Structure formats: structure tokens, C-alpha cells
N, C-alpha and C. Protein backbone atom coordinates (compact mmCIF):
# COMPACT_ATOMS: atom_id res chain seq x y z
N MET A 1 -49.15 -8.87 -113.47
CA MET A 1 -49.61 -10.11 -111.88
C MET A 1 -50.79 -9.19 -110.20
N LYS A 2 -51.07 -10.42 -110.55
CA LYS A 2 -52.40 -9.87 -109.39
C LYS A 2 -52.46 -9.63 -107.71
N VAL A 3 -52.04 -9.09 -107.39
CA VAL A 3 -51.81 -8.86 -106.01
C VAL A 3 -53.13 -8.49 -105.45
N ASN A 4 -53.61 -8.88 -104.25
CA ASN A 4 -54.83 -8.46 -103.95
C ASN A 4 -54.49 -7.97 -102.57
N TRP A 5 -54.65 -6.93 -101.44
CA TRP A 5 -54.66 -6.55 -100.67
C TRP A 5 -55.37 -7.09 -99.43
N VAL A 6 -55.44 -7.38 -98.51
CA VAL A 6 -56.19 -7.75 -97.21
C VAL A 6 -56.14 -6.31 -96.14
N GLU A 7 -57.44 -5.11 -96.37
CA GLU A 7 -56.82 -4.30 -95.47
C GLU A 7 -56.71 -4.59 -93.69
N TRP A 8 -56.22 -3.83 -93.33
CA TRP A 8 -56.53 -3.72 -91.70
C TRP A 8 -57.11 -4.39 -91.25
N THR A 9 -57.27 -5.64 -90.75
CA THR A 9 -57.54 -6.63 -90.36
C THR A 9 -58.03 -6.27 -88.78
N PRO A 10 -59.28 -6.40 -88.03
CA PRO A 10 -59.46 -6.11 -86.70
C PRO A 10 -59.03 -7.47 -86.04
N VAL A 11 -58.58 -7.81 -84.93
CA VAL A 11 -58.31 -8.70 -83.93
C VAL A 11 -58.88 -8.32 -82.53
N GLU A 12 -59.02 -9.10 -82.57
CA GLU A 12 -59.78 -9.31 -80.97
C GLU A 12 -58.70 -9.47 -79.92
N TYR A 13 -58.81 -8.29 -79.11
CA TYR A 13 -57.64 -7.95 -77.88
C TYR A 13 -57.90 -8.88 -76.84
N ASP A 14 -56.71 -9.80 -76.30
CA ASP A 14 -57.12 -10.96 -75.15
C ASP A 14 -56.17 -10.79 -74.50
N GLY A 15 -55.38 -9.31 -74.41
CA GLY A 15 -54.19 -9.47 -73.42
C GLY A 15 -53.04 -9.33 -74.37
N PRO A 16 -51.94 -8.40 -73.65
CA PRO A 16 -50.61 -8.44 -73.89
C PRO A 16 -49.77 -8.95 -74.92
N GLY A 17 -50.31 -10.74 -74.73
CA GLY A 17 -49.87 -11.64 -75.51
C GLY A 17 -50.06 -11.94 -76.86
N SER A 18 -51.03 -10.88 -77.50
CA SER A 18 -52.17 -11.14 -78.74
C SER A 18 -51.02 -10.09 -79.84
N LEU A 19 -50.24 -9.60 -79.12
CA LEU A 19 -50.16 -8.11 -79.98
C LEU A 19 -48.47 -9.20 -80.83
N ARG A 20 -48.44 -8.57 -81.95
CA ARG A 20 -47.06 -9.52 -83.17
C ARG A 20 -46.42 -7.87 -83.15
N ASP A 21 -45.47 -8.15 -83.90
CA ASP A 21 -45.00 -7.00 -84.94
C ASP A 21 -45.54 -6.50 -85.97
N GLY A 22 -45.70 -4.91 -86.21
CA GLY A 22 -46.24 -4.01 -87.24
C GLY A 22 -47.58 -4.16 -85.93
N ASP A 23 -48.12 -4.68 -85.11
CA ASP A 23 -49.98 -4.54 -85.04
C ASP A 23 -49.76 -2.89 -84.45
N ALA A 24 -51.00 -2.63 -85.05
CA ALA A 24 -51.39 -0.89 -84.47
C ALA A 24 -52.72 -1.68 -82.93
N VAL A 25 -53.13 -0.74 -82.03
CA VAL A 25 -54.22 -1.04 -81.08
C VAL A 25 -55.30 0.21 -81.27
N GLU A 26 -56.10 0.09 -81.32
CA GLU A 26 -57.10 1.08 -81.03
C GLU A 26 -57.23 1.52 -79.72
N LEU A 27 -57.91 2.28 -79.00
CA LEU A 27 -58.18 2.91 -77.74
C LEU A 27 -60.11 2.89 -77.56
N LYS A 28 -59.98 2.86 -76.46
CA LYS A 28 -61.73 3.24 -76.44
C LYS A 28 -62.12 4.34 -76.62
N GLY A 29 -62.61 5.30 -76.88
CA GLY A 29 -62.69 6.52 -76.92
C GLY A 29 -61.97 7.15 -77.99
N VAL A 30 -60.99 6.93 -78.26
CA VAL A 30 -60.02 7.55 -78.85
C VAL A 30 -60.18 7.29 -80.24
N ALA A 31 -60.42 8.13 -81.38
CA ALA A 31 -60.09 7.74 -82.78
C ALA A 31 -58.45 7.72 -82.99
N GLY A 32 -58.42 6.86 -84.10
CA GLY A 32 -57.23 6.50 -85.40
C GLY A 32 -56.79 4.98 -83.96
N ARG A 33 -55.45 4.70 -84.89
CA ARG A 33 -55.09 3.84 -84.51
C ARG A 33 -53.04 4.42 -84.09
N PHE A 34 -53.10 3.24 -82.98
CA PHE A 34 -51.45 3.66 -82.34
C PHE A 34 -50.64 2.41 -82.71
N GLY A 35 -49.26 3.09 -83.16
CA GLY A 35 -48.26 1.51 -83.45
C GLY A 35 -48.41 1.17 -81.87
N TRP A 36 -47.80 0.18 -81.36
CA TRP A 36 -47.11 -1.05 -80.37
C TRP A 36 -45.70 -0.79 -80.62
N ALA A 37 -45.69 -0.30 -79.57
CA ALA A 37 -44.16 -0.14 -79.76
C ALA A 37 -42.90 -1.23 -78.94
N GLY A 38 -43.71 -2.47 -79.13
CA GLY A 38 -42.78 -3.77 -79.16
C GLY A 38 -42.72 -4.42 -77.27
N ARG A 39 -43.43 -3.68 -76.60
CA ARG A 39 -43.55 -4.31 -75.55
C ARG A 39 -44.47 -4.17 -74.64
N THR A 40 -44.47 -5.39 -73.91
CA THR A 40 -46.12 -5.29 -72.48
C THR A 40 -44.83 -5.44 -71.27
N ASN A 41 -46.43 -5.17 -70.23
CA ASN A 41 -45.88 -5.50 -68.84
C ASN A 41 -46.98 -6.22 -68.19
N GLY A 42 -47.17 -7.11 -68.55
CA GLY A 42 -48.26 -8.08 -67.85
C GLY A 42 -49.97 -7.08 -67.82
N SER A 43 -49.94 -6.10 -67.48
CA SER A 43 -50.98 -5.31 -67.31
C SER A 43 -51.13 -4.37 -68.52
N GLY A 44 -50.52 -4.00 -69.00
CA GLY A 44 -50.78 -3.09 -70.43
C GLY A 44 -49.74 -3.13 -71.59
N VAL A 45 -49.58 -2.40 -72.16
CA VAL A 45 -49.02 -1.66 -73.80
C VAL A 45 -48.09 -1.20 -73.80
N LEU A 46 -47.09 -0.99 -74.67
CA LEU A 46 -46.57 0.54 -74.58
C LEU A 46 -46.74 0.63 -76.47
N ILE A 47 -47.26 2.16 -76.43
CA ILE A 47 -47.58 2.41 -78.14
C ILE A 47 -46.74 3.75 -78.33
N ARG A 48 -46.97 4.18 -79.68
CA ARG A 48 -46.29 5.19 -79.91
C ARG A 48 -47.71 6.35 -80.06
N LEU A 49 -47.51 7.34 -79.60
CA LEU A 49 -48.71 8.56 -80.01
C LEU A 49 -47.83 9.39 -80.80
N GLY A 50 -48.55 9.26 -82.27
CA GLY A 50 -48.25 10.57 -82.77
C GLY A 50 -46.54 10.50 -83.11
N SER A 51 -46.12 11.81 -83.24
CA SER A 51 -44.77 11.78 -83.67
C SER A 51 -43.42 12.34 -82.38
N GLY A 52 -44.58 11.81 -81.00
CA GLY A 52 -43.51 12.23 -79.52
C GLY A 52 -42.37 11.25 -79.56
N PRO A 53 -41.40 11.94 -78.54
CA PRO A 53 -40.11 11.75 -78.89
C PRO A 53 -40.11 10.19 -78.05
N LYS A 54 -41.01 10.13 -76.77
CA LYS A 54 -41.33 8.97 -76.39
C LYS A 54 -42.60 8.10 -76.37
N PRO A 55 -42.60 6.21 -76.48
CA PRO A 55 -44.00 5.51 -76.67
C PRO A 55 -44.54 6.12 -75.20
N VAL A 56 -45.73 5.50 -74.84
CA VAL A 56 -46.66 5.59 -73.44
C VAL A 56 -47.01 4.14 -72.87
N TRP A 57 -47.11 3.87 -71.73
CA TRP A 57 -47.89 2.97 -71.49
C TRP A 57 -49.24 3.15 -71.51
N VAL A 58 -50.30 1.77 -71.98
CA VAL A 58 -51.87 2.08 -71.73
C VAL A 58 -52.17 0.79 -70.98
N PRO A 59 -52.86 1.32 -70.20
CA PRO A 59 -53.60 -0.25 -69.63
C PRO A 59 -54.25 -1.10 -70.54
N SER A 60 -54.37 -2.64 -70.42
CA SER A 60 -54.98 -3.65 -71.30
C SER A 60 -57.15 -2.51 -71.42
N ALA A 61 -56.96 -2.25 -70.18
CA ALA A 61 -58.29 -2.18 -70.01
C ALA A 61 -59.14 -0.63 -71.06
N ASP A 62 -58.20 -0.19 -71.52
CA ASP A 62 -58.07 1.10 -72.58
C ASP A 62 -58.25 0.55 -73.84
N ILE A 63 -57.95 -1.06 -74.10
CA ILE A 63 -57.64 -0.96 -75.15
C ILE A 63 -58.94 -1.87 -76.27
N ALA A 64 -59.44 -1.41 -77.14
CA ALA A 64 -60.44 -1.24 -77.78
C ALA A 64 -60.53 -2.83 -78.83
N ARG A 65 -59.49 -2.97 -79.16
CA ARG A 65 -59.19 -3.86 -80.70
C ARG A 65 -57.79 -3.35 -81.34
N ILE A 66 -56.89 -4.90 -81.83
CA ILE A 66 -55.87 -4.89 -81.82
C ILE A 66 -56.30 -4.63 -83.89
N ARG A 67 -55.12 -4.28 -84.84
CA ARG A 67 -55.34 -3.95 -85.94
C ARG A 67 -54.25 -4.28 -86.74
N ARG A 68 -54.21 -5.69 -87.36
CA ARG A 68 -52.96 -5.88 -87.81
C ARG A 68 -53.13 -5.36 -88.95
N PRO A 69 -51.62 -5.39 -89.67
CA PRO A 69 -51.11 -4.73 -90.94
C PRO A 69 -51.74 -6.00 -92.41
N ALA A 70 -52.01 -5.02 -93.38
CA ALA A 70 -52.18 -5.43 -94.81
C ALA A 70 -51.17 -6.29 -94.87
N VAL A 71 -51.98 -8.13 -95.52
CA VAL A 71 -50.90 -8.80 -95.94
C VAL A 71 -50.98 -9.15 -97.39
N PRO A 72 -50.16 -8.74 -98.36
CA PRO A 72 -50.02 -9.19 -99.77
C PRO A 72 -50.33 -10.40 -100.19
N GLU A 73 -51.27 -10.80 -101.24
CA GLU A 73 -51.62 -12.07 -101.51
C GLU A 73 -50.21 -12.24 -102.15
N PRO A 74 -49.75 -13.59 -102.49
CA PRO A 74 -48.78 -13.91 -103.67
C PRO A 74 -49.43 -14.33 -104.66
N SER A 75 -48.70 -14.24 -105.70
CA SER A 75 -49.22 -14.02 -107.12
C SER A 75 -48.51 -14.78 -108.37
N VAL A 76 -47.84 -15.63 -107.41
CA VAL A 76 -46.66 -16.67 -107.78
C VAL A 76 -47.50 -18.55 -107.49
N PRO A 77 -48.26 -18.90 -108.59
CA PRO A 77 -48.62 -20.39 -108.34
C PRO A 77 -47.49 -21.01 -107.69
N GLY A 78 -48.23 -22.37 -106.89
CA GLY A 78 -46.79 -22.96 -106.57
C GLY A 78 -47.62 -23.76 -104.91
N LEU A 79 -46.57 -23.77 -103.96
CA LEU A 79 -46.56 -24.70 -102.88
C LEU A 79 -46.48 -23.36 -101.78
N TYR A 80 -47.05 -23.49 -100.87
CA TYR A 80 -46.81 -22.53 -100.09
C TYR A 80 -46.46 -23.03 -98.43
N ARG A 81 -46.01 -22.74 -97.58
CA ARG A 81 -45.81 -23.73 -96.02
C ARG A 81 -46.55 -21.85 -95.22
N SER A 82 -47.27 -22.13 -93.69
CA SER A 82 -47.10 -21.20 -93.23
C SER A 82 -46.30 -21.65 -91.68
N ALA A 83 -46.24 -20.32 -91.19
CA ALA A 83 -45.46 -20.77 -89.81
C ALA A 83 -45.31 -21.85 -88.86
N GLY A 84 -46.89 -21.97 -89.03
CA GLY A 84 -47.86 -23.55 -88.22
C GLY A 84 -47.54 -24.90 -88.76
N GLY A 85 -46.48 -24.86 -90.20
CA GLY A 85 -46.82 -26.38 -90.41
C GLY A 85 -47.54 -26.00 -91.71
N GLY A 86 -48.35 -25.59 -91.58
CA GLY A 86 -49.58 -25.63 -92.78
C GLY A 86 -48.93 -25.48 -94.36
N VAL A 87 -49.69 -26.57 -95.46
CA VAL A 87 -49.12 -26.26 -96.28
C VAL A 87 -50.41 -25.99 -97.38
N TRP A 88 -50.36 -25.28 -98.38
CA TRP A 88 -51.27 -24.35 -99.15
C TRP A 88 -50.58 -24.57 -100.36
N LEU A 89 -51.95 -24.42 -101.49
CA LEU A 89 -51.67 -24.94 -102.51
C LEU A 89 -52.20 -23.27 -103.27
N LEU A 90 -51.47 -22.67 -104.20
CA LEU A 90 -52.37 -21.05 -105.13
C LEU A 90 -51.95 -21.91 -106.80
N ASP A 91 -53.88 -22.26 -107.29
CA ASP A 91 -53.25 -22.70 -108.55
C ASP A 91 -53.22 -21.38 -109.89
N GLY A 92 -53.11 -22.08 -110.99
CA GLY A 92 -52.53 -21.40 -111.84
C GLY A 92 -54.20 -19.84 -112.05
N ASP A 93 -55.35 -20.38 -111.64
CA ASP A 93 -56.69 -19.40 -112.02
C ASP A 93 -56.75 -18.66 -110.13
N GLY A 94 -55.84 -19.31 -109.74
CA GLY A 94 -55.32 -17.82 -108.24
C GLY A 94 -56.36 -18.30 -107.25
N LEU A 95 -56.56 -19.95 -107.27
CA LEU A 95 -57.52 -20.58 -106.28
C LEU A 95 -56.92 -21.35 -104.97
N TRP A 96 -56.97 -21.19 -103.79
CA TRP A 96 -56.09 -21.30 -102.63
C TRP A 96 -56.98 -23.31 -102.41
N SER A 97 -56.49 -23.98 -101.76
CA SER A 97 -56.33 -25.14 -101.56
C SER A 97 -55.80 -25.24 -100.57
N MET A 98 -56.66 -26.22 -99.36
CA MET A 98 -55.54 -26.47 -98.04
C MET A 98 -55.27 -28.20 -98.67
N LEU A 99 -53.68 -28.11 -98.18
CA LEU A 99 -53.17 -29.67 -97.88
C LEU A 99 -53.02 -29.52 -97.24
N ARG A 100 -52.51 -29.20 -96.26
CA ARG A 100 -52.11 -29.69 -94.42
C ARG A 100 -52.69 -28.40 -94.18
N ASP A 101 -53.27 -28.74 -92.36
CA ASP A 101 -53.37 -27.32 -92.05
C ASP A 101 -52.33 -26.67 -90.75
N ASP A 102 -52.51 -25.83 -90.35
CA ASP A 102 -51.40 -25.64 -89.34
C ASP A 102 -51.46 -26.34 -88.06
N GLY A 103 -50.10 -27.30 -87.68
CA GLY A 103 -50.45 -28.22 -86.94
C GLY A 103 -51.65 -29.88 -87.03
N GLY A 104 -51.74 -30.14 -88.03
CA GLY A 104 -52.43 -31.02 -88.39
C GLY A 104 -51.40 -32.10 -88.08
N ASP A 105 -51.66 -33.38 -88.26
CA ASP A 105 -50.93 -34.40 -87.82
C ASP A 105 -51.24 -35.34 -89.53
N GLY A 106 -51.44 -35.39 -90.54
CA GLY A 106 -51.37 -35.55 -91.42
C GLY A 106 -51.90 -35.14 -93.06
N TRP A 107 -51.66 -35.56 -94.17
CA TRP A 107 -52.75 -34.79 -95.45
C TRP A 107 -53.69 -35.07 -95.41
N THR A 108 -54.40 -33.76 -96.26
CA THR A 108 -55.60 -34.13 -96.11
C THR A 108 -55.62 -34.37 -97.55
N ALA A 109 -57.49 -34.45 -98.33
CA ALA A 109 -57.77 -34.04 -99.42
C ALA A 109 -57.45 -32.89 -100.06
N PRO A 110 -57.20 -32.18 -101.25
CA PRO A 110 -56.91 -30.55 -101.36
C PRO A 110 -58.79 -29.92 -100.77
N THR A 111 -58.50 -29.13 -100.01
CA THR A 111 -59.89 -28.55 -99.58
C THR A 111 -59.61 -26.58 -100.01
N PRO A 112 -60.95 -26.87 -100.76
CA PRO A 112 -60.68 -25.61 -101.30
C PRO A 112 -61.38 -24.11 -100.34
N VAL A 113 -59.86 -23.32 -100.12
CA VAL A 113 -60.34 -22.28 -99.06
C VAL A 113 -60.04 -20.88 -99.96
N THR A 114 -60.48 -19.90 -98.64
CA THR A 114 -60.74 -18.67 -99.19
C THR A 114 -59.44 -17.98 -99.10
N TRP A 115 -58.96 -16.51 -99.55
CA TRP A 115 -57.39 -15.68 -98.82
C TRP A 115 -57.93 -15.83 -97.65
N PRO A 116 -58.79 -15.01 -97.00
CA PRO A 116 -58.69 -14.53 -95.74
C PRO A 116 -58.37 -15.61 -94.98
N ARG A 117 -58.83 -16.51 -95.03
CA ARG A 117 -58.19 -17.91 -94.34
C ARG A 117 -56.77 -17.99 -94.33
N VAL A 118 -56.42 -18.38 -95.76
CA VAL A 118 -55.04 -18.39 -95.44
C VAL A 118 -54.15 -17.74 -94.82
N SER A 119 -54.56 -16.58 -94.76
CA SER A 119 -53.68 -14.68 -94.92
C SER A 119 -53.82 -14.56 -93.24
N ARG A 120 -54.11 -15.31 -92.44
CA ARG A 120 -54.45 -15.35 -91.28
C ARG A 120 -53.65 -16.25 -90.73
N ARG A 121 -52.86 -17.30 -91.45
CA ARG A 121 -51.97 -17.99 -91.04
C ARG A 121 -50.26 -17.64 -91.48
N ALA A 122 -50.14 -16.17 -91.96
CA ALA A 122 -49.24 -15.85 -92.15
C ALA A 122 -48.82 -15.43 -91.55
N PRO A 123 -46.87 -15.01 -91.60
CA PRO A 123 -46.81 -15.29 -93.25
C PRO A 123 -46.12 -16.18 -93.74
N LEU A 124 -46.45 -16.31 -95.10
CA LEU A 124 -45.83 -17.51 -96.03
C LEU A 124 -44.66 -18.17 -96.57
N TRP A 125 -44.08 -19.24 -96.94
CA TRP A 125 -42.66 -19.14 -97.66
C TRP A 125 -43.12 -20.32 -98.87
N ARG A 126 -42.80 -19.47 -100.15
CA ARG A 126 -43.49 -20.52 -100.94
C ARG A 126 -41.91 -21.47 -100.93
N LEU A 127 -41.98 -23.04 -101.24
CA LEU A 127 -42.01 -24.01 -101.42
C LEU A 127 -41.48 -24.58 -102.36
N GLY A 128 -39.97 -24.63 -102.90
CA GLY A 128 -39.03 -24.76 -104.32
C GLY A 128 -39.04 -26.26 -104.29
N LEU A 129 -39.00 -26.69 -105.04
CA LEU A 129 -38.33 -28.50 -105.80
C LEU A 129 -37.62 -28.80 -104.11
N GLY A 130 -37.93 -29.90 -103.50
CA GLY A 130 -36.89 -30.76 -102.86
C GLY A 130 -36.79 -29.77 -101.95
N GLU A 131 -37.70 -29.28 -101.39
CA GLU A 131 -38.25 -28.59 -100.02
C GLU A 131 -39.05 -29.32 -99.45
N GLU A 132 -38.97 -28.81 -97.26
CA GLU A 132 -40.61 -29.39 -96.92
C GLU A 132 -41.30 -28.43 -96.20
């Protein structure tokens, strides 16, 4: 079974609204990644430092970047739908094609794409026969 892992992906920090569940943040001038504790206050984010009992607030100005967790590449050929409504085809050779991009108005001719492009649309759901 083929499984490719995308390592922690750096994502530009555009403010507290750019964080998702499972993200970690890198702080300016501090080594390591710190897990996001799931809350923001408009000017900063709540993060977990080590094994301390309580998370701490960090101002947005002190955040260097976000790190997204690894996304496993599906290994079963078929059609996959992304959260934004895109439809992607994984063929028997492990190659991806875009059939409909997220937010697209219509279907396109199959367009070859790479796994990193598809993984940015995660999570993916495998479509079975008769599903939309």
C-alpha cells in the first residue's frame, strides 16, 4: 500500500483567523513548534508550552508562522471530494487529476495536478458510486 506523507507544511500567519485545528505555531526568536490551544482573542492566540498545566496567550506580532500537520496521501484509486467542493481523481498509477476545483462553477477537462496541490484542499472524502 502506497502512503506518502507531506511533512509539517509552513503556512503564512495572517492573523488569528488563519489557524485550524491541529496547527502549531512557531514564535519569533524561539526554537520549536507550539500547539495551538484552539482559542483566539482577536489580537493573539492561546498556545500550549511544553507540559505546563495552562496554555498561554501570545500576541500575533510574536508569531513567525503556522505549521500544518502532515496529511496522508490516499492510496485507493477513485474520486475524492474536498471540503470546498472540488472533485479529484486518483488513478491506478498514483497520479492525480483535477476534475472540478474548489468553488468552481462547472466541470473541466481532467487536469494533471500534484499531491501537494491536492493536499492543500484537505480533508478529502472518497466518493462511492451514486454519491455527489
